Amino acid sequence: LTSQAATMRLGGVPNDIITNLNPFALIIFIPIFDKFVY
């Protein structure tokens, strides 16, 4: 997926920065699951 990102329009964003959406999503969703979903 890091290699896939490099072949797309980056708009000044490093191709290997996009993978950080994964931990960013976890930081947001863990409290939501703890407090609301479960």
PDB file of all heavy atoms in Angstrom:
ATOM      1  N   LEU A   1       0.821  -1.209   0.000  1.00  0.00           N
ATOM      2  CA  LEU A   1       0.000   0.000   0.000  1.00  0.00           C
ATOM      3  C   LEU A   1       0.853   1.257   0.000  1.00  0.00           C
ATOM      4  O   LEU A   1       0.456   2.299  -0.537  1.00  0.00           O
ATOM      5  CB  LEU A   1      -0.953  -0.013   1.198  1.00  0.00           C
ATOM      6  CG  LEU A   1      -2.150  -0.955   1.063  1.00  0.00           C
ATOM      7  CD1 LEU A   1      -2.935  -1.018   2.355  1.00  0.00           C
ATOM      8  CD2 LEU A   1      -3.058  -0.514  -0.087  1.00  0.00           C
ATOM      9  N   THR A   2       2.059   1.189   0.603  1.00  0.00           N
ATOM     10  CA  THR A   2       2.985   2.320   0.533  1.00  0.00           C
ATOM     11  C   THR A   2       3.446   2.534  -0.900  1.00  0.00           C
ATOM     12  O   THR A   2       3.544   3.675  -1.378  1.00  0.00           O
ATOM     13  CB  THR A   2       4.191   2.074   1.451  1.00  0.00           C
ATOM     14  OG1 THR A   2       3.742   1.913   2.785  1.00  0.00           O
ATOM     15  CG2 THR A   2       5.164   3.237   1.394  1.00  0.00           C
ATOM     16  N   SER A   3       3.713   1.443  -1.607  1.00  0.00           N
ATOM     17  CA  SER A   3       4.106   1.535  -3.016  1.00  0.00           C
ATOM     18  C   SER A   3       2.947   2.037  -3.863  1.00  0.00           C
ATOM     19  O   SER A   3       3.145   2.823  -4.799  1.00  0.00           O
ATOM     20  CB  SER A   3       4.574   0.163  -3.512  1.00  0.00           C
ATOM     21  OG  SER A   3       5.684  -0.292  -2.781  1.00  0.00           O
ATOM     22  N   GLN A   4       1.730   1.595  -3.558  1.00  0.00           N
ATOM     23  CA  GLN A   4       0.555   2.071  -4.287  1.00  0.00           C
ATOM     24  C   GLN A   4       0.400   3.581  -4.141  1.00  0.00           C
ATOM     25  O   GLN A   4       0.104   4.282  -5.111  1.00  0.00           O
ATOM     26  CB  GLN A   4      -0.705   1.373  -3.761  1.00  0.00           C
ATOM     27  CG  GLN A   4      -1.982   1.739  -4.504  1.00  0.00           C
ATOM     28  CD  GLN A   4      -3.224   1.185  -3.818  1.00  0.00           C
ATOM     29  OE1 GLN A   4      -3.642   1.679  -2.776  1.00  0.00           O
ATOM     30  NE2 GLN A   4      -3.819   0.146  -4.404  1.00  0.00           N
ATOM     31  N   ALA A   5       0.621   4.088  -2.938  1.00  0.00           N
ATOM     32  CA  ALA A   5       0.484   5.525  -2.697  1.00  0.00           C
ATOM     33  C   ALA A   5       1.436   6.331  -3.567  1.00  0.00           C
ATOM     34  O   ALA A   5       1.088   7.421  -4.046  1.00  0.00           O
ATOM     35  CB  ALA A   5       0.723   5.830  -1.220  1.00  0.00           C
ATOM     36  N   ALA A   6       2.646   5.820  -3.782  1.00  0.00           N
ATOM     37  CA  ALA A   6       3.646   6.554  -4.558  1.00  0.00           C
ATOM     38  C   ALA A   6       3.210   6.763  -6.005  1.00  0.00           C
ATOM     39  O   ALA A   6       3.659   7.717  -6.657  1.00  0.00           O
ATOM     40  CB  ALA A   6       4.982   5.817  -4.518  1.00  0.00           C
ATOM     41  N   THR A   7       2.337   5.902  -6.516  1.00  0.00           N
ATOM     42  CA  THR A   7       1.908   5.997  -7.918  1.00  0.00           C
ATOM     43  C   THR A   7       0.697   6.900  -8.097  1.00  0.00           C
ATOM     44  O   THR A   7       0.190   7.043  -9.214  1.00  0.00           O
ATOM     45  CB  THR A   7       1.577   4.605  -8.476  1.00  0.00           C
ATOM     46  OG1 THR A   7       0.455   4.062  -7.760  1.00  0.00           O
ATOM     47  CG2 THR A   7       2.766   3.667  -8.345  1.00  0.00           C
ATOM     48  N   MET A   8       0.223   7.535  -7.007  1.00  0.00           N
ATOM     49  CA  MET A   8      -0.965   8.381  -7.050  1.00  0.00           C
ATOM     50  C   MET A   8      -0.586   9.841  -6.838  1.00  0.00           C
ATOM     51  O   MET A   8       0.567  10.166  -6.531  1.00  0.00           O
ATOM     52  CB  MET A   8      -1.973   7.908  -5.990  1.00  0.00           C
ATOM     53  CG  MET A   8      -2.345   6.439  -6.146  1.00  0.00           C
ATOM     54  SD  MET A   8      -3.242   5.767  -4.709  1.00  0.00           S
ATOM     55  CE  MET A   8      -4.832   6.552  -4.934  1.00  0.00           C
ATOM     56  N   ARG A   9      -1.555  10.750  -7.000  1.00  0.00           N
ATOM     57  CA  ARG A   9      -1.293  12.171  -6.815  1.00  0.00           C
ATOM     58  C   ARG A   9      -1.095  12.459  -5.330  1.00  0.00           C
ATOM     59  O   ARG A   9      -2.032  12.347  -4.529  1.00  0.00           O
ATOM     60  CB  ARG A   9      -2.452  13.010  -7.356  1.00  0.00           C
ATOM     61  CG  ARG A   9      -2.163  14.509  -7.359  1.00  0.00           C
ATOM     62  CD  ARG A   9      -3.278  15.334  -7.976  1.00  0.00           C
ATOM     63  NE  ARG A   9      -4.451  15.431  -7.105  1.00  0.00           N
ATOM     64  CZ  ARG A   9      -5.613  14.839  -7.342  1.00  0.00           C
ATOM     65  NH1 ARG A   9      -5.763  14.077  -8.423  1.00  0.00           N
ATOM     66  NH2 ARG A   9      -6.627  14.982  -6.509  1.00  0.00           N
ATOM     67  N   LEU A  10       0.115  12.842  -4.946  1.00  0.00           N
ATOM     68  CA  LEU A  10       0.460  13.017  -3.540  1.00  0.00           C
ATOM     69  C   LEU A  10       0.158  14.414  -3.018  1.00  0.00           C
ATOM     70  O   LEU A  10      -0.103  14.594  -1.817  1.00  0.00           O
ATOM     71  CB  LEU A  10       1.941  12.702  -3.319  1.00  0.00           C
ATOM     72  CG  LEU A  10       2.362  11.247  -3.592  1.00  0.00           C
ATOM     73  CD1 LEU A  10       3.874  11.103  -3.480  1.00  0.00           C
ATOM     74  CD2 LEU A  10       1.671  10.296  -2.638  1.00  0.00           C
ATOM     75  N   GLY A  11       0.245  15.421  -3.869  1.00  0.00           N
ATOM     76  CA  GLY A  11      -0.055  16.773  -3.423  1.00  0.00           C
ATOM     77  C   GLY A  11       0.882  17.276  -2.347  1.00  0.00           C
ATOM     78  O   GLY A  11       0.475  18.011  -1.441  1.00  0.00           O
ATOM     79  N   GLY A  12       2.153  16.885  -2.413  1.00  0.00           N
ATOM     80  CA  GLY A  12       3.133  17.331  -1.437  1.00  0.00           C
ATOM     81  C   GLY A  12       3.230  16.468  -0.198  1.00  0.00           C
ATOM     82  O   GLY A  12       4.047  16.735   0.687  1.00  0.00           O
ATOM     83  N   VAL A  13       2.430  15.418  -0.110  1.00  0.00           N
ATOM     84  CA  VAL A  13       2.454  14.518   1.052  1.00  0.00           C
ATOM     85  C   VAL A  13       3.367  13.334   0.737  1.00  0.00           C
ATOM     86  O   VAL A  13       3.216  12.706  -0.323  1.00  0.00           O
ATOM     87  CB  VAL A  13       1.042  14.017   1.388  1.00  0.00           C
ATOM     88  CG1 VAL A  13       1.080  13.062   2.567  1.00  0.00           C
ATOM     89  CG2 VAL A  13       0.121  15.195   1.689  1.00  0.00           C
ATOM     90  N   PRO A  14       4.307  12.975   1.589  1.00  0.00           N
ATOM     91  CA  PRO A  14       5.148  11.797   1.329  1.00  0.00           C
ATOM     92  C   PRO A  14       4.294  10.538   1.174  1.00  0.00           C
ATOM     93  O   PRO A  14       3.301  10.359   1.882  1.00  0.00           O
ATOM     94  CB  PRO A  14       6.033  11.714   2.582  1.00  0.00           C
ATOM     95  CG  PRO A  14       6.046  13.100   3.129  1.00  0.00           C
ATOM     96  CD  PRO A  14       4.684  13.669   2.835  1.00  0.00           C
ATOM     97  N   ASN A  15       4.697   9.668   0.265  1.00  0.00           N
ATOM     98  CA  ASN A  15       3.885   8.474   0.021  1.00  0.00           C
ATOM     99  C   ASN A  15       3.784   7.575   1.241  1.00  0.00           C
ATOM    100  O   ASN A  15       2.775   6.888   1.450  1.00  0.00           O
ATOM    101  CB  ASN A  15       4.465   7.674  -1.159  1.00  0.00           C
ATOM    102  CG  ASN A  15       5.801   7.022  -0.835  1.00  0.00           C
ATOM    103  OD1 ASN A  15       6.741   7.692  -0.393  1.00  0.00           O
ATOM    104  ND2 ASN A  15       5.904   5.717  -1.056  1.00  0.00           N
ATOM    105  N   ASP A  16       4.830   7.570   2.099  1.00  0.00           N
ATOM    106  CA  ASP A  16       4.796   6.691   3.252  1.00  0.00           C
ATOM    107  C   ASP A  16       4.259   7.378   4.508  1.00  0.00           C
ATOM    108  O   ASP A  16       4.414   6.881   5.608  1.00  0.00           O
ATOM    109  CB  ASP A  16       6.175   6.082   3.535  1.00  0.00           C
ATOM    110  CG  ASP A  16       7.316   7.067   3.377  1.00  0.00           C
ATOM    111  OD1 ASP A  16       7.042   8.267   3.205  1.00  0.00           O
ATOM    112  OD2 ASP A  16       8.478   6.629   3.438  1.00  0.00           O
ATOM    113  N   ILE A  17       3.605   8.555   4.329  1.00  0.00           N
ATOM    114  CA  ILE A  17       2.925   9.202   5.450  1.00  0.00           C
ATOM    115  C   ILE A  17       1.481   8.733   5.546  1.00  0.00           C
ATOM    116  O   ILE A  17       0.857   8.775   6.604  1.00  0.00           O
ATOM    117  CB  ILE A  17       2.983  10.742   5.319  1.00  0.00           C
ATOM    118  CG1 ILE A  17       2.812  11.418   6.691  1.00  0.00           C
ATOM    119  CG2 ILE A  17       1.900  11.256   4.387  1.00  0.00           C
ATOM    120  CD1 ILE A  17       3.997  11.345   7.568  1.00  0.00           C
ATOM    121  N   ILE A  18       0.920   8.284   4.423  1.00  0.00           N
ATOM    122  CA  ILE A  18      -0.502   7.929   4.387  1.00  0.00           C
ATOM    123  C   ILE A  18      -0.795   6.729   5.292  1.00  0.00           C
ATOM    124  O   ILE A  18      -1.877   6.629   5.872  1.00  0.00           O
ATOM    125  CB  ILE A  18      -0.940   7.611   2.937  1.00  0.00           C
ATOM    126  CG1 ILE A  18      -0.564   8.777   2.004  1.00  0.00           C
ATOM    127  CG2 ILE A  18      -2.438   7.372   2.873  1.00  0.00           C
ATOM    128  CD1 ILE A  18      -1.176  10.101   2.393  1.00  0.00           C
ATOM    129  N   THR A  19       0.178   5.844   5.442  1.00  0.00           N
ATOM    130  CA  THR A  19      -0.042   4.667   6.284  1.00  0.00           C
ATOM    131  C   THR A  19      -0.362   5.044   7.731  1.00  0.00           C
ATOM    132  O   THR A  19      -0.927   4.244   8.476  1.00  0.00           O
ATOM    133  CB  THR A  19       1.202   3.752   6.238  1.00  0.00           C
ATOM    134  OG1 THR A  19       0.924   2.534   6.939  1.00  0.00           O
ATOM    135  CG2 THR A  19       2.388   4.421   6.900  1.00  0.00           C
ATOM    136  N   ASN A  20      -0.047   6.285   8.116  1.00  0.00           N
ATOM    137  CA  ASN A  20      -0.326   6.733   9.481  1.00  0.00           C
ATOM    138  C   ASN A  20      -1.808   6.956   9.735  1.00  0.00           C
ATOM    139  O   ASN A  20      -2.214   7.182  10.883  1.00  0.00           O
ATOM    140  CB  ASN A  20       0.456   8.003   9.787  1.00  0.00           C
ATOM    141  CG  ASN A  20       1.946   7.752   9.871  1.00  0.00           C
ATOM    142  OD1 ASN A  20       2.435   7.205  10.848  1.00  0.00           O
ATOM    143  ND2 ASN A  20       2.674   8.127   8.830  1.00  0.00           N
ATOM    144  N   LEU A  21      -2.607   6.904   8.706  1.00  0.00           N
ATOM    145  CA  LEU A  21      -4.052   6.948   8.919  1.00  0.00           C
ATOM    146  C   LEU A  21      -4.504   5.756   9.758  1.00  0.00           C
ATOM    147  O   LEU A  21      -5.524   5.844  10.460  1.00  0.00           O
ATOM    148  CB  LEU A  21      -4.785   6.947   7.575  1.00  0.00           C
ATOM    149  CG  LEU A  21      -4.706   8.254   6.775  1.00  0.00           C
ATOM    150  CD1 LEU A  21      -5.268   8.042   5.373  1.00  0.00           C
ATOM    151  CD2 LEU A  21      -5.440   9.376   7.487  1.00  0.00           C
ATOM    152  N   ASN A  22      -3.757   4.653   9.691  1.00  0.00           N
ATOM    153  CA  ASN A  22      -4.123   3.475  10.474  1.00  0.00           C
ATOM    154  C   ASN A  22      -3.986   3.721  11.976  1.00  0.00           C
ATOM    155  O   ASN A  22      -4.968   3.580  12.722  1.00  0.00           O
ATOM    156  CB  ASN A  22      -3.297   2.273  10.028  1.00  0.00           C
ATOM    157  CG  ASN A  22      -3.482   1.072  10.916  1.00  0.00           C
ATOM    158  OD1 ASN A  22      -2.621   0.755  11.742  1.00  0.00           O
ATOM    159  ND2 ASN A  22      -4.605   0.383  10.782  1.00  0.00           N
ATOM    160  N   PRO A  23      -2.807   4.102  12.499  1.00  0.00           N
ATOM    161  CA  PRO A  23      -2.745   4.387  13.931  1.00  0.00           C
ATOM    162  C   PRO A  23      -3.599   5.587  14.334  1.00  0.00           C
ATOM    163  O   PRO A  23      -4.129   5.621  15.452  1.00  0.00           O
ATOM    164  CB  PRO A  23      -1.257   4.653  14.183  1.00  0.00           C
ATOM    165  CG  PRO A  23      -0.675   4.977  12.858  1.00  0.00           C
ATOM    166  CD  PRO A  23      -1.473   4.198  11.868  1.00  0.00           C
ATOM    167  N   PHE A  24      -3.752   6.563  13.440  1.00  0.00           N
ATOM    168  CA  PHE A  24      -4.590   7.715  13.756  1.00  0.00           C
ATOM    169  C   PHE A  24      -6.037   7.269  13.961  1.00  0.00           C
ATOM    170  O   PHE A  24      -6.714   7.723  14.903  1.00  0.00           O
ATOM    171  CB  PHE A  24      -4.501   8.733  12.616  1.00  0.00           C
ATOM    172  CG  PHE A  24      -5.184  10.040  12.927  1.00  0.00           C
ATOM    173  CD1 PHE A  24      -4.643  10.911  13.852  1.00  0.00           C
ATOM    174  CD2 PHE A  24      -6.362  10.390  12.273  1.00  0.00           C
ATOM    175  CE1 PHE A  24      -5.270  12.113  14.134  1.00  0.00           C
ATOM    176  CE2 PHE A  24      -6.995  11.588  12.558  1.00  0.00           C
ATOM    177  CZ  PHE A  24      -6.448  12.459  13.489  1.00  0.00           C
ATOM    178  N   ALA A  25      -6.521   6.368  13.108  1.00  0.00           N
ATOM    179  CA  ALA A  25      -7.878   5.839  13.262  1.00  0.00           C
ATOM    180  C   ALA A  25      -8.024   5.072  14.574  1.00  0.00           C
ATOM    181  O   ALA A  25      -9.051   5.174  15.261  1.00  0.00           O
ATOM    182  CB  ALA A  25      -8.231   4.931  12.076  1.00  0.00           C
ATOM    183  N   LEU A  26      -6.991   4.313  14.944  1.00  0.00           N
ATOM    184  CA  LEU A  26      -7.044   3.553  16.195  1.00  0.00           C
ATOM    185  C   LEU A  26      -7.106   4.475  17.407  1.00  0.00           C
ATOM    186  O   LEU A  26      -7.870   4.227  18.350  1.00  0.00           O
ATOM    187  CB  LEU A  26      -5.826   2.633  16.291  1.00  0.00           C
ATOM    188  CG  LEU A  26      -5.919   1.350  15.476  1.00  0.00           C
ATOM    189  CD1 LEU A  26      -4.539   0.771  15.224  1.00  0.00           C
ATOM    190  CD2 LEU A  26      -6.785   0.335  16.192  1.00  0.00           C
ATOM    191  N   ILE A  27      -6.324   5.551  17.385  1.00  0.00           N
ATOM    192  CA  ILE A  27      -6.320   6.487  18.512  1.00  0.00           C
ATOM    193  C   ILE A  27      -7.703   7.112  18.687  1.00  0.00           C
ATOM    194  O   ILE A  27      -8.164   7.358  19.803  1.00  0.00           O
ATOM    195  CB  ILE A  27      -5.242   7.566  18.306  1.00  0.00           C
ATOM    196  CG1 ILE A  27      -3.845   6.930  18.381  1.00  0.00           C
ATOM    197  CG2 ILE A  27      -5.369   8.686  19.330  1.00  0.00           C
ATOM    198  CD1 ILE A  27      -2.736   7.844  17.917  1.00  0.00           C
ATOM    199  N   ILE A  28      -8.388   7.358  17.580  1.00  0.00           N
ATOM    200  CA  ILE A  28      -9.732   7.947  17.645  1.00  0.00           C
ATOM    201  C   ILE A  28     -10.774   6.916  18.064  1.00  0.00           C
ATOM    202  O   ILE A  28     -11.626   7.169  18.934  1.00  0.00           O
ATOM    203  CB  ILE A  28     -10.116   8.559  16.278  1.00  0.00           C
ATOM    204  CG1 ILE A  28      -9.227   9.767  15.971  1.00  0.00           C
ATOM    205  CG2 ILE A  28     -11.595   8.945  16.251  1.00  0.00           C
ATOM    206  CD1 ILE A  28      -9.449  10.342  14.590  1.00  0.00           C
ATOM    207  N   PHE A  29     -10.713   5.719  17.477  1.00  0.00           N
ATOM    208  CA  PHE A  29     -11.795   4.760  17.646  1.00  0.00           C
ATOM    209  C   PHE A  29     -11.712   3.947  18.934  1.00  0.00           C
ATOM    210  O   PHE A  29     -12.734   3.454  19.413  1.00  0.00           O
ATOM    211  CB  PHE A  29     -11.852   3.817  16.437  1.00  0.00           C
ATOM    212  CG  PHE A  29     -12.529   4.409  15.240  1.00  0.00           C
ATOM    213  CD1 PHE A  29     -11.782   4.782  14.127  1.00  0.00           C
ATOM    214  CD2 PHE A  29     -13.895   4.612  15.221  1.00  0.00           C
ATOM    215  CE1 PHE A  29     -12.384   5.341  13.020  1.00  0.00           C
ATOM    216  CE2 PHE A  29     -14.512   5.166  14.118  1.00  0.00           C
ATOM    217  CZ  PHE A  29     -13.762   5.546  13.003  1.00  0.00           C
ATOM    218  N   ILE A  30     -10.526   3.772  19.513  1.00  0.00           N
ATOM    219  CA  ILE A  30     -10.432   2.974  20.746  1.00  0.00           C
ATOM    220  C   ILE A  30     -11.288   3.567  21.870  1.00  0.00           C
ATOM    221  O   ILE A  30     -12.075   2.855  22.497  1.00  0.00           O
ATOM    222  CB  ILE A  30      -8.964   2.794  21.169  1.00  0.00           C
ATOM    223  CG1 ILE A  30      -8.311   1.701  20.311  1.00  0.00           C
ATOM    224  CG2 ILE A  30      -8.856   2.412  22.642  1.00  0.00           C
ATOM    225  CD1 ILE A  30      -6.830   1.500  20.565  1.00  0.00           C
ATOM    226  N   PRO A  31     -11.189   4.879  22.174  1.00  0.00           N
ATOM    227  CA  PRO A  31     -12.083   5.415  23.205  1.00  0.00           C
ATOM    228  C   PRO A  31     -13.560   5.318  22.830  1.00  0.00           C
ATOM    229  O   PRO A  31     -14.415   5.121  23.700  1.00  0.00           O
ATOM    230  CB  PRO A  31     -11.641   6.884  23.313  1.00  0.00           C
ATOM    231  CG  PRO A  31     -10.247   6.913  22.787  1.00  0.00           C
ATOM    232  CD  PRO A  31     -10.222   5.879  21.709  1.00  0.00           C
ATOM    233  N   ILE A  32     -13.878   5.451  21.538  1.00  0.00           N
ATOM    234  CA  ILE A  32     -15.275   5.344  21.106  1.00  0.00           C
ATOM    235  C   ILE A  32     -15.800   3.937  21.365  1.00  0.00           C
ATOM    236  O   ILE A  32     -16.924   3.760  21.873  1.00  0.00           O
ATOM    237  CB  ILE A  32     -15.393   5.711  19.606  1.00  0.00           C
ATOM    238  CG1 ILE A  32     -15.099   7.198  19.407  1.00  0.00           C
ATOM    239  CG2 ILE A  32     -16.778   5.352  19.071  1.00  0.00           C
ATOM    240  CD1 ILE A  32     -15.052   7.624  17.959  1.00  0.00           C
ATOM    241  N   PHE A  33     -15.007   2.931  21.040  1.00  0.00           N
ATOM    242  CA  PHE A  33     -15.430   1.547  21.289  1.00  0.00           C
ATOM    243  C   PHE A  33     -15.538   1.270  22.788  1.00  0.00           C
ATOM    244  O   PHE A  33     -16.442   0.571  23.236  1.00  0.00           O
ATOM    245  CB  PHE A  33     -14.460   0.571  20.631  1.00  0.00           C
ATOM    246  CG  PHE A  33     -14.772   0.277  19.200  1.00  0.00           C
ATOM    247  CD1 PHE A  33     -14.521   1.215  18.211  1.00  0.00           C
ATOM    248  CD2 PHE A  33     -15.342  -0.932  18.824  1.00  0.00           C
ATOM    249  CE1 PHE A  33     -14.824   0.954  16.889  1.00  0.00           C
ATOM    250  CE2 PHE A  33     -15.649  -1.206  17.501  1.00  0.00           C
ATOM    251  CZ  PHE A  33     -15.389  -0.251  16.522  1.00  0.00           C
ATOM    252  N   ASP A  34     -14.617   1.846  23.562  1.00  0.00           N
ATOM    253  CA  ASP A  34     -14.610   1.621  24.999  1.00  0.00           C
ATOM    254  C   ASP A  34     -15.817   2.263  25.680  1.00  0.00           C
ATOM    255  O   ASP A  34     -16.416   1.674  26.588  1.00  0.00           O
ATOM    256  CB  ASP A  34     -13.312   2.176  25.586  1.00  0.00           C
ATOM    257  CG  ASP A  34     -13.239   2.039  27.090  1.00  0.00           C
ATOM    258  OD1 ASP A  34     -13.651   0.993  27.604  1.00  0.00           O
ATOM    259  OD2 ASP A  34     -12.774   2.984  27.753  1.00  0.00           O
ATOM    260  N   LYS A  35     -16.183   3.461  25.233  1.00  0.00           N
ATOM    261  CA  LYS A  35     -17.222   4.221  25.919  1.00  0.00           C
ATOM    262  C   LYS A  35     -18.619   4.036  25.335  1.00  0.00           C
ATOM    263  O   LYS A  35     -19.615   4.199  26.048  1.00  0.00           O
ATOM    264  CB  LYS A  35     -16.874   5.713  25.891  1.00  0.00           C
ATOM    265  CG  LYS A  35     -15.589   6.071  26.646  1.00  0.00           C
ATOM    266  CD  LYS A  35     -15.766   5.855  28.134  1.00  0.00           C
ATOM    267  CE  LYS A  35     -14.528   6.327  28.892  1.00  0.00           C
ATOM    268  NZ  LYS A  35     -14.676   6.126  30.348  1.00  0.00           N
ATOM    269  N   PHE A  36     -18.706   3.727  24.043  1.00  0.00           N
ATOM    270  CA  PHE A  36     -20.018   3.714  23.409  1.00  0.00           C
ATOM    271  C   PHE A  36     -20.382   2.398  22.721  1.00  0.00           C
ATOM    272  O   PHE A  36     -21.464   1.860  22.936  1.00  0.00           O
ATOM    273  CB  PHE A  36     -20.112   4.864  22.388  1.00  0.00           C
ATOM    274  CG  PHE A  36     -19.882   6.215  22.997  1.00  0.00           C
ATOM    275  CD1 PHE A  36     -18.691   6.890  22.779  1.00  0.00           C
ATOM    276  CD2 PHE A  36     -20.843   6.811  23.799  1.00  0.00           C
ATOM    277  CE1 PHE A  36     -18.455   8.138  23.346  1.00  0.00           C
ATOM    278  CE2 PHE A  36     -20.623   8.055  24.380  1.00  0.00           C
ATOM    279  CZ  PHE A  36     -19.432   8.714  24.150  1.00  0.00           C
ATOM    280  N   VAL A  37     -19.481   1.876  21.866  1.00  0.00           N
ATOM    281  CA  VAL A  37     -19.839   0.716  21.052  1.00  0.00           C
ATOM    282  C   VAL A  37     -20.076  -0.523  21.909  1.00  0.00           C
ATOM    283  O   VAL A  37     -21.151  -1.139  21.845  1.00  0.00           O
ATOM    284  CB  VAL A  37     -18.749   0.437  19.993  1.00  0.00           C
ATOM    285  CG1 VAL A  37     -19.086  -0.840  19.213  1.00  0.00           C
ATOM    286  CG2 VAL A  37     -18.626   1.618  19.039  1.00  0.00           C
ATOM    287  N   TYR A  38     -19.102  -0.905  22.726  1.00  0.00           N
ATOM    288  CA  TYR A  38     -19.259  -2.106  23.545  1.00  0.00           C
ATOM    289  C   TYR A  38     -20.396  -1.981  24.554  1.00  0.00           C
ATOM    290  O   TYR A  38     -21.210  -2.904  24.689  1.00  0.00           O
ATOM    291  CB  TYR A  38     -17.941  -2.436  24.250  1.00  0.00           C
ATOM    292  CG  TYR A  38     -16.865  -2.978  23.328  1.00  0.00           C
ATOM    293  CD1 TYR A  38     -15.519  -2.848  23.648  1.00  0.00           C
ATOM    294  CD2 TYR A  38     -17.185  -3.616  22.129  1.00  0.00           C
ATOM    295  CE1 TYR A  38     -14.525  -3.346  22.814  1.00  0.00           C
ATOM    296  CE2 TYR A  38     -16.200  -4.107  21.289  1.00  0.00           C
ATOM    297  CZ  TYR A  38     -14.864  -3.969  21.627  1.00  0.00           C
ATOM    298  OH  TYR A  38     -13.885  -4.465  20.799  1.00  0.00           O
TER     299      TYR A  38
END
